[in-house]
């Protein structure tokens, strides 16, 4: 029972951190991306900041469906794999 609670807490922690980590990892490279692409690409470079949060929001329902139908250990690894994609 204790392992189940630990896995649940760890999954919630990882899920809540994914959008912040993704945005933090992309932000330092924005000036380099802007200079690499065309001058008119500033909009597309700035919109790339929203991709980690958008993907986490889009894949969250599939993660929830997977958690309600699989065993607890398998759920944890499926959730981590979805969040890493």
N, C-alpha and C. Protein backbone atom coordinates (compact mmCIF):
# COMPACT_ATOMS: atom_id res chain seq x y z
N UNK A 1 0.82 -1.20 0.00
CA UNK A 1 0.00 0.00 0.00
C UNK A 1 0.86 1.26 0.00
N UNK A 2 1.98 1.21 0.71
CA UNK A 2 2.85 2.38 0.77
C UNK A 2 3.49 2.65 -0.58
N UNK A 3 3.85 1.61 -1.31
CA UNK A 3 4.43 1.79 -2.64
C UNK A 3 3.43 2.46 -3.57
N UNK A 4 2.18 2.13 -3.45
CA UNK A 4 1.13 2.73 -4.27
C UNK A 4 1.05 4.23 -4.03
N UNK A 5 1.12 4.64 -2.77
CA UNK A 5 1.07 6.07 -2.44
C UNK A 5 2.31 6.81 -2.93
N UNK A 6 3.46 6.17 -2.81
CA UNK A 6 4.69 6.79 -3.28
C UNK A 6 4.67 6.97 -4.79
N UNK A 7 4.22 5.96 -5.50
CA UNK A 7 4.14 6.07 -6.96
C UNK A 7 3.13 7.12 -7.39
N UNK A 8 2.02 7.21 -6.68
CA UNK A 8 1.02 8.23 -7.00
C UNK A 8 1.58 9.63 -6.79
N UNK A 9 2.26 9.82 -5.65
CA UNK A 9 2.83 11.13 -5.35
C UNK A 9 3.93 11.50 -6.34
N UNK A 10 4.74 10.54 -6.71
CA UNK A 10 5.80 10.80 -7.67
C UNK A 10 5.25 11.13 -9.05
N UNK A 11 4.20 10.44 -9.44
CA UNK A 11 3.56 10.72 -10.73
C UNK A 11 2.97 12.12 -10.75
N UNK A 12 2.31 12.52 -9.69
CA UNK A 12 1.75 13.86 -9.62
C UNK A 12 2.84 14.92 -9.63
N UNK A 13 3.94 14.65 -8.96
CA UNK A 13 5.05 15.59 -8.94
C UNK A 13 5.65 15.76 -10.33
N UNK A 14 5.88 14.64 -11.03
CA UNK A 14 6.44 14.71 -12.37
C UNK A 14 5.48 15.39 -13.35
N UNK A 15 4.22 15.11 -13.22
CA UNK A 15 3.24 15.72 -14.12
C UNK A 15 3.14 17.23 -13.91
N UNK A 16 3.27 17.67 -12.68
CA UNK A 16 3.17 19.11 -12.43
C UNK A 16 4.43 19.86 -12.84
N UNK A 17 5.56 19.17 -12.93
CA UNK A 17 6.81 19.82 -13.28
C UNK A 17 7.09 19.87 -14.77
N UNK A 18 6.41 19.09 -15.57
CA UNK A 18 6.78 18.93 -16.97
C UNK A 18 6.65 20.22 -17.77
N UNK A 19 5.62 21.01 -17.52
CA UNK A 19 5.46 22.24 -18.30
C UNK A 19 6.51 23.27 -17.92
N UNK A 20 6.87 23.34 -16.65
CA UNK A 20 7.88 24.29 -16.21
C UNK A 20 9.25 23.89 -16.73
N UNK A 21 9.57 22.62 -16.68
CA UNK A 21 10.87 22.16 -17.16
C UNK A 21 11.00 22.37 -18.67
N UNK A 22 9.95 22.09 -19.40
CA UNK A 22 10.00 22.27 -20.86
C UNK A 22 10.21 23.72 -21.25
N UNK A 23 9.49 24.61 -20.62
CA UNK A 23 9.63 26.03 -20.92
C UNK A 23 11.00 26.55 -20.50
N UNK A 24 11.48 26.11 -19.35
CA UNK A 24 12.80 26.54 -18.87
C UNK A 24 13.92 26.04 -19.78
N UNK A 25 13.76 24.87 -20.34
CA UNK A 25 14.80 24.32 -21.22
C UNK A 25 14.84 25.04 -22.57
N UNK A 26 13.70 25.51 -23.04
CA UNK A 26 13.63 26.15 -24.35
C UNK A 26 14.04 27.63 -24.29
N UNK A 27 13.73 28.30 -23.21
CA UNK A 27 13.91 29.75 -23.12
C UNK A 27 15.32 30.24 -23.42
N UNK A 28 16.39 29.64 -22.92
CA UNK A 28 17.73 30.17 -23.23
C UNK A 28 18.10 30.08 -24.71
N UNK A 29 17.47 29.21 -25.45
CA UNK A 29 17.83 29.05 -26.85
C UNK A 29 17.02 29.94 -27.80
N UNK A 30 16.09 30.75 -27.28
CA UNK A 30 15.25 31.58 -28.14
C UNK A 30 16.04 32.59 -28.98
N UNK A 31 17.02 33.32 -28.44
CA UNK A 31 17.77 34.24 -29.30
C UNK A 31 18.53 33.51 -30.42
N UNK A 32 19.08 32.36 -30.12
CA UNK A 32 19.76 31.58 -31.14
C UNK A 32 18.82 31.07 -32.21
N UNK A 33 17.62 30.66 -31.79
CA UNK A 33 16.62 30.20 -32.77
C UNK A 33 16.18 31.35 -33.66
N UNK A 34 16.02 32.52 -33.07
CA UNK A 34 15.57 33.67 -33.83
C UNK A 34 16.61 34.11 -34.85
N UNK A 35 17.89 34.03 -34.50
CA UNK A 35 18.93 34.43 -35.45
C UNK A 35 19.18 33.34 -36.50
N UNK A 36 18.89 32.09 -36.17
CA UNK A 36 19.09 31.00 -37.12
C UNK A 36 18.05 31.03 -38.23
N UNK A 37 16.81 31.28 -37.87
CA UNK A 37 15.73 31.31 -38.86
C UNK A 37 15.61 32.70 -39.46
N UNK A 38 14.63 32.88 -40.31
CA UNK A 38 14.42 34.17 -40.98
C UNK A 38 14.11 35.27 -39.97
N UNK A 39 14.21 36.50 -40.45
CA UNK A 39 13.91 37.64 -39.58
C UNK A 39 12.43 37.66 -39.19
N UNK A 40 11.56 37.23 -40.07
CA UNK A 40 10.12 37.26 -39.79
C UNK A 40 9.66 36.07 -38.94
N UNK A 41 10.57 35.30 -38.40
CA UNK A 41 10.18 34.10 -37.66
C UNK A 41 10.02 34.35 -36.17
N UNK A 42 10.02 35.60 -35.73
CA UNK A 42 9.93 35.89 -34.31
C UNK A 42 8.64 35.33 -33.70
N UNK A 43 7.55 35.38 -34.43
CA UNK A 43 6.28 34.83 -33.94
C UNK A 43 6.40 33.34 -33.69
N UNK A 44 6.97 32.61 -34.62
CA UNK A 44 7.06 31.15 -34.49
C UNK A 44 8.05 30.74 -33.41
N UNK A 45 9.08 31.53 -33.22
CA UNK A 45 10.03 31.24 -32.15
C UNK A 45 9.37 31.44 -30.79
N UNK A 46 8.60 32.50 -30.64
CA UNK A 46 7.93 32.75 -29.37
C UNK A 46 6.80 31.74 -29.11
N UNK A 47 6.15 31.28 -30.16
CA UNK A 47 5.07 30.30 -29.98
C UNK A 47 5.64 28.93 -29.56
N UNK A 48 6.93 28.72 -29.80
CA UNK A 48 7.54 27.45 -29.39
C UNK A 48 7.59 27.31 -27.87
N UNK A 49 7.43 28.41 -27.14
CA UNK A 49 7.36 28.32 -25.68
C UNK A 49 6.10 27.63 -25.20
N UNK A 50 5.05 27.67 -25.98
CA UNK A 50 3.78 27.09 -25.55
C UNK A 50 3.67 25.60 -25.86
N UNK A 51 4.58 25.06 -26.65
CA UNK A 51 4.48 23.66 -27.08
C UNK A 51 4.55 22.68 -25.90
N UNK A 52 5.47 22.82 -24.93
CA UNK A 52 5.46 21.86 -23.81
C UNK A 52 4.16 21.87 -23.01
N UNK A 53 3.64 23.05 -22.72
CA UNK A 53 2.39 23.13 -21.96
C UNK A 53 1.21 22.59 -22.77
N UNK A 54 1.20 22.90 -24.05
CA UNK A 54 0.12 22.41 -24.90
C UNK A 54 0.14 20.89 -25.02
N UNK A 55 1.32 20.32 -25.19
CA UNK A 55 1.40 18.86 -25.31
C UNK A 55 1.03 18.17 -23.99
N UNK A 56 1.41 18.75 -22.87
CA UNK A 56 1.02 18.17 -21.58
C UNK A 56 -0.49 18.22 -21.41
N UNK A 57 -1.11 19.31 -21.84
CA UNK A 57 -2.56 19.41 -21.74
C UNK A 57 -3.29 18.47 -22.67
N UNK A 58 -2.73 18.26 -23.86
CA UNK A 58 -3.38 17.38 -24.82
C UNK A 58 -3.26 15.90 -24.45
N UNK A 59 -2.13 15.51 -23.87
CA UNK A 59 -1.91 14.11 -23.55
C UNK A 59 -2.38 13.72 -22.16
N UNK A 60 -2.80 14.67 -21.33
CA UNK A 60 -3.25 14.37 -19.97
C UNK A 60 -4.45 13.43 -19.93
N UNK A 61 -5.47 13.60 -20.80
CA UNK A 61 -6.60 12.66 -20.74
C UNK A 61 -6.19 11.22 -21.08
N UNK A 62 -5.28 11.06 -22.02
CA UNK A 62 -4.83 9.71 -22.37
C UNK A 62 -4.05 9.08 -21.23
N UNK A 63 -3.31 9.88 -20.52
CA UNK A 63 -2.59 9.38 -19.36
C UNK A 63 -3.57 8.93 -18.28
N UNK A 64 -4.62 9.70 -18.07
CA UNK A 64 -5.63 9.33 -17.08
C UNK A 64 -6.36 8.06 -17.44
N UNK A 65 -6.68 7.89 -18.72
CA UNK A 65 -7.34 6.67 -19.17
C UNK A 65 -6.43 5.46 -18.94
N UNK A 66 -5.15 5.64 -19.25
CA UNK A 66 -4.19 4.55 -19.05
C UNK A 66 -4.04 4.19 -17.59
N UNK A 67 -4.13 5.17 -16.71
CA UNK A 67 -3.97 4.88 -15.28
C UNK A 67 -5.16 4.14 -14.71
N UNK A 68 -6.33 4.38 -15.23
CA UNK A 68 -7.50 3.73 -14.65
C UNK A 68 -7.66 2.28 -15.12
N UNK A 69 -6.91 1.87 -16.13
CA UNK A 69 -7.11 0.53 -16.68
C UNK A 69 -5.92 -0.42 -16.50
N UNK A 70 -4.81 0.05 -16.02
CA UNK A 70 -3.62 -0.80 -15.92
C UNK A 70 -3.24 -1.01 -14.45
N UNK A 71 -2.29 -1.88 -14.23
CA UNK A 71 -1.77 -2.12 -12.89
C UNK A 71 -0.96 -0.90 -12.45
N UNK A 72 -0.73 -0.76 -11.16
CA UNK A 72 -0.10 0.45 -10.62
C UNK A 72 1.33 0.67 -11.13
N UNK A 73 2.14 -0.32 -11.16
CA UNK A 73 3.52 -0.15 -11.62
C UNK A 73 3.55 0.20 -13.10
N UNK A 74 2.74 -0.46 -13.89
CA UNK A 74 2.69 -0.18 -15.33
C UNK A 74 2.18 1.23 -15.56
N UNK A 75 1.24 1.69 -14.75
CA UNK A 75 0.72 3.06 -14.87
C UNK A 75 1.82 4.08 -14.70
N UNK A 76 2.65 3.87 -13.72
CA UNK A 76 3.73 4.82 -13.46
C UNK A 76 4.65 4.94 -14.66
N UNK A 77 5.05 3.82 -15.24
CA UNK A 77 5.96 3.87 -16.38
C UNK A 77 5.28 4.42 -17.64
N UNK A 78 4.02 4.13 -17.84
CA UNK A 78 3.30 4.70 -18.97
C UNK A 78 3.18 6.22 -18.85
N UNK A 79 2.91 6.69 -17.64
CA UNK A 79 2.80 8.12 -17.42
C UNK A 79 4.13 8.81 -17.67
N UNK A 80 5.19 8.23 -17.19
CA UNK A 80 6.51 8.82 -17.42
C UNK A 80 6.85 8.84 -18.90
N UNK A 81 6.52 7.79 -19.62
CA UNK A 81 6.81 7.75 -21.05
C UNK A 81 6.02 8.80 -21.81
N UNK A 82 4.75 9.00 -21.46
CA UNK A 82 3.93 10.01 -22.13
C UNK A 82 4.46 11.40 -21.83
N UNK A 83 4.86 11.63 -20.59
CA UNK A 83 5.36 12.95 -20.22
C UNK A 83 6.71 13.25 -20.86
N UNK A 84 7.50 12.23 -21.09
CA UNK A 84 8.81 12.46 -21.71
C UNK A 84 8.71 12.70 -23.19
N UNK A 85 7.63 12.24 -23.80
CA UNK A 85 7.43 12.47 -25.24
C UNK A 85 7.03 13.89 -25.42
